[in-house]
Amino acid sequence: MGFANSDPGAFSLDITLSPTYTGASTYGTAGCKDWDYSQHQRNHFLETQWVFLNEDAARGKGKHLTAFAQIMGCSKEQETQFAVLVRNNYSSLFRKTEARSDLLTQFEILISANPELSCSG
């Protein structure tokens, strides 16, 4: 864990509440048509953490799968249910050896097809 780990996501600093971040991210996206920060964040996570998410999804548990459930808007109580759903659909979601551009859409379709999983993603 920490700096000795090869996982680039092992160390992070949340600056989303800092005035500089808020101002810069608001100013930088002001006037952008159809800009969806949460969708951008989800896609970025899939692109940068895909290998680790793939491994966790195959096992049906892990910190990257938990983090992705949170990014997708699942409550803490639904993280296990999300993990089971992803594990049960692993072959269709992770059939390729690299992240696909439509992967976020596939996750969104899977979530919407399971109304008992009320994630906001």
Protein backbone atom coordinates (compact mmCIF):
# COMPACT_ATOMS: atom_id res chain seq x y z
CA MET A 1 0.00 0.00 0.00
CA GLY A 2 1.11 3.58 -0.35
CA PHE A 3 4.18 4.62 -2.27
CA ALA A 4 5.68 1.12 -2.45
CA ASN A 5 2.67 -0.15 -4.36
CA SER A 6 2.66 -0.18 -8.18
CA ASP A 7 -1.03 0.71 -8.18
CA PRO A 8 -1.34 4.33 -9.40
CA GLY A 9 -4.65 4.63 -7.59
CA ALA A 10 -3.23 3.57 -4.21
CA PHE A 11 -2.44 7.13 -3.20
CA SER A 12 -4.80 9.96 -3.83
CA LEU A 13 -5.54 13.36 -2.42
CA ASP A 14 -9.07 14.70 -2.58
CA ILE A 15 -8.92 18.35 -3.58
CA THR A 16 -12.48 18.62 -4.83
CA LEU A 17 -13.46 20.94 -2.00
CA SER A 18 -10.53 23.32 -2.37
CA PRO A 19 -11.43 26.78 -3.69
CA THR A 20 -8.80 26.54 -6.42
CA TYR A 21 -10.12 23.22 -7.74
CA THR A 22 -13.74 24.34 -7.61
CA GLY A 23 -13.00 27.62 -9.34
CA ALA A 24 -10.73 26.10 -11.96
CA SER A 25 -13.03 23.22 -12.78
CA THR A 26 -16.07 25.51 -12.96
CA TYR A 27 -14.32 28.18 -15.01
CA GLY A 28 -12.68 25.59 -17.27
CA THR A 29 -15.99 23.97 -18.15
CA ALA A 30 -18.22 27.05 -18.12
CA GLY A 31 -20.13 27.28 -21.36
CA CYS A 32 -19.17 23.77 -22.48
CA LYS A 33 -22.18 22.20 -24.09
CA ASP A 34 -23.15 18.74 -22.86
CA TRP A 35 -20.30 18.59 -20.31
CA ASP A 36 -21.00 15.94 -17.68
CA TYR A 37 -18.27 15.87 -15.06
CA SER A 38 -19.50 12.67 -13.42
CA GLN A 39 -19.50 10.86 -16.76
CA HIS A 40 -16.01 12.18 -17.45
CA GLN A 41 -14.88 10.94 -14.02
CA ARG A 42 -16.38 7.48 -14.64
CA ASN A 43 -14.74 7.19 -18.05
CA HIS A 44 -11.41 8.35 -16.63
CA PHE A 45 -11.61 5.73 -13.88
CA LEU A 46 -12.38 3.01 -16.43
CA GLU A 47 -9.47 4.07 -18.64
CA THR A 48 -6.87 4.40 -15.87
CA GLN A 49 -7.96 1.57 -13.54
CA TRP A 50 -9.30 -0.91 -16.09
CA VAL A 51 -6.70 -3.63 -15.42
CA PHE A 52 -7.35 -3.54 -11.68
CA LEU A 53 -11.12 -3.29 -12.12
CA ASN A 54 -11.00 -6.27 -14.49
CA GLU A 55 -9.21 -8.36 -11.86
CA ASP A 56 -11.61 -7.33 -9.09
CA ALA A 57 -14.64 -7.98 -11.31
CA ALA A 58 -13.38 -11.49 -12.04
CA ARG A 59 -13.15 -12.14 -8.29
CA GLY A 60 -16.40 -10.31 -7.51
CA LYS A 61 -14.72 -8.14 -4.87
CA GLY A 62 -11.89 -5.70 -4.34
CA LYS A 63 -11.11 -2.08 -3.68
CA HIS A 64 -11.30 -1.01 -7.34
CA LEU A 65 -14.71 -2.61 -7.78
CA THR A 66 -15.89 -0.93 -4.56
CA ALA A 67 -14.53 2.42 -5.75
CA PHE A 68 -16.26 2.03 -9.10
CA ALA A 69 -19.56 1.18 -7.38
CA GLN A 70 -19.22 4.43 -5.44
CA ILE A 71 -18.37 6.39 -8.60
CA MET A 72 -21.44 4.89 -10.25
CA GLY A 73 -23.55 6.26 -7.39
CA CYS A 74 -24.23 3.07 -5.47
CA SER A 75 -24.76 3.41 -1.74
CA LYS A 76 -22.47 1.60 0.69
CA GLU A 77 -25.26 -0.93 1.29
CA GLN A 78 -25.42 -1.73 -2.44
CA GLU A 79 -21.69 -2.23 -3.06
CA THR A 80 -21.90 -6.00 -2.54
CA GLN A 81 -24.96 -6.28 -4.77
CA PHE A 82 -23.15 -4.23 -7.46
CA ALA A 83 -20.09 -6.51 -7.17
CA VAL A 84 -22.24 -9.64 -7.57
CA LEU A 85 -23.99 -8.13 -10.60
CA VAL A 86 -20.65 -7.25 -12.23
CA ARG A 87 -19.20 -10.68 -11.44
CA ASN A 88 -22.25 -12.42 -12.92
CA ASN A 89 -21.90 -10.33 -16.10
CA TYR A 90 -18.12 -10.44 -16.23
CA SER A 91 -17.84 -12.22 -19.59
CA SER A 92 -19.98 -9.66 -21.41
CA LEU A 93 -18.44 -6.61 -19.71
CA PHE A 94 -14.79 -7.64 -19.86
CA ARG A 95 -14.65 -9.77 -22.99
CA LYS A 96 -11.80 -7.71 -24.48
CA THR A 97 -8.28 -7.32 -23.12
CA GLU A 98 -8.45 -3.53 -22.90
CA ALA A 99 -10.94 -0.88 -21.93
CA ARG A 100 -13.63 -0.26 -24.54
CA SER A 101 -15.19 3.07 -25.33
CA ASP A 102 -18.67 1.64 -24.71
CA LEU A 103 -17.88 0.05 -21.35
CA LEU A 104 -19.47 2.83 -19.30
CA THR A 105 -22.62 2.54 -21.41
CA GLN A 106 -22.67 -1.21 -20.78
CA PHE A 107 -22.43 -0.64 -17.01
CA GLU A 108 -25.24 1.95 -17.18
CA ILE A 109 -27.46 -0.45 -19.13
CA LEU A 110 -26.75 -3.22 -16.62
CA ILE A 111 -27.63 -0.97 -13.69
CA SER A 112 -30.84 0.31 -15.29
CA ALA A 113 -31.91 -3.26 -16.10
CA ASN A 114 -31.68 -4.10 -12.38
CA PRO A 115 -34.08 -1.70 -10.63
CA GLU A 116 -33.33 -3.21 -7.22
CA LEU A 117 -29.90 -1.64 -7.61
CA SER A 118 -30.73 2.05 -7.34
CA CYS A 119 -27.38 3.56 -8.23
CA SER A 120 -27.45 7.05 -9.68
CA GLY A 121 -25.05 6.11 -12.49
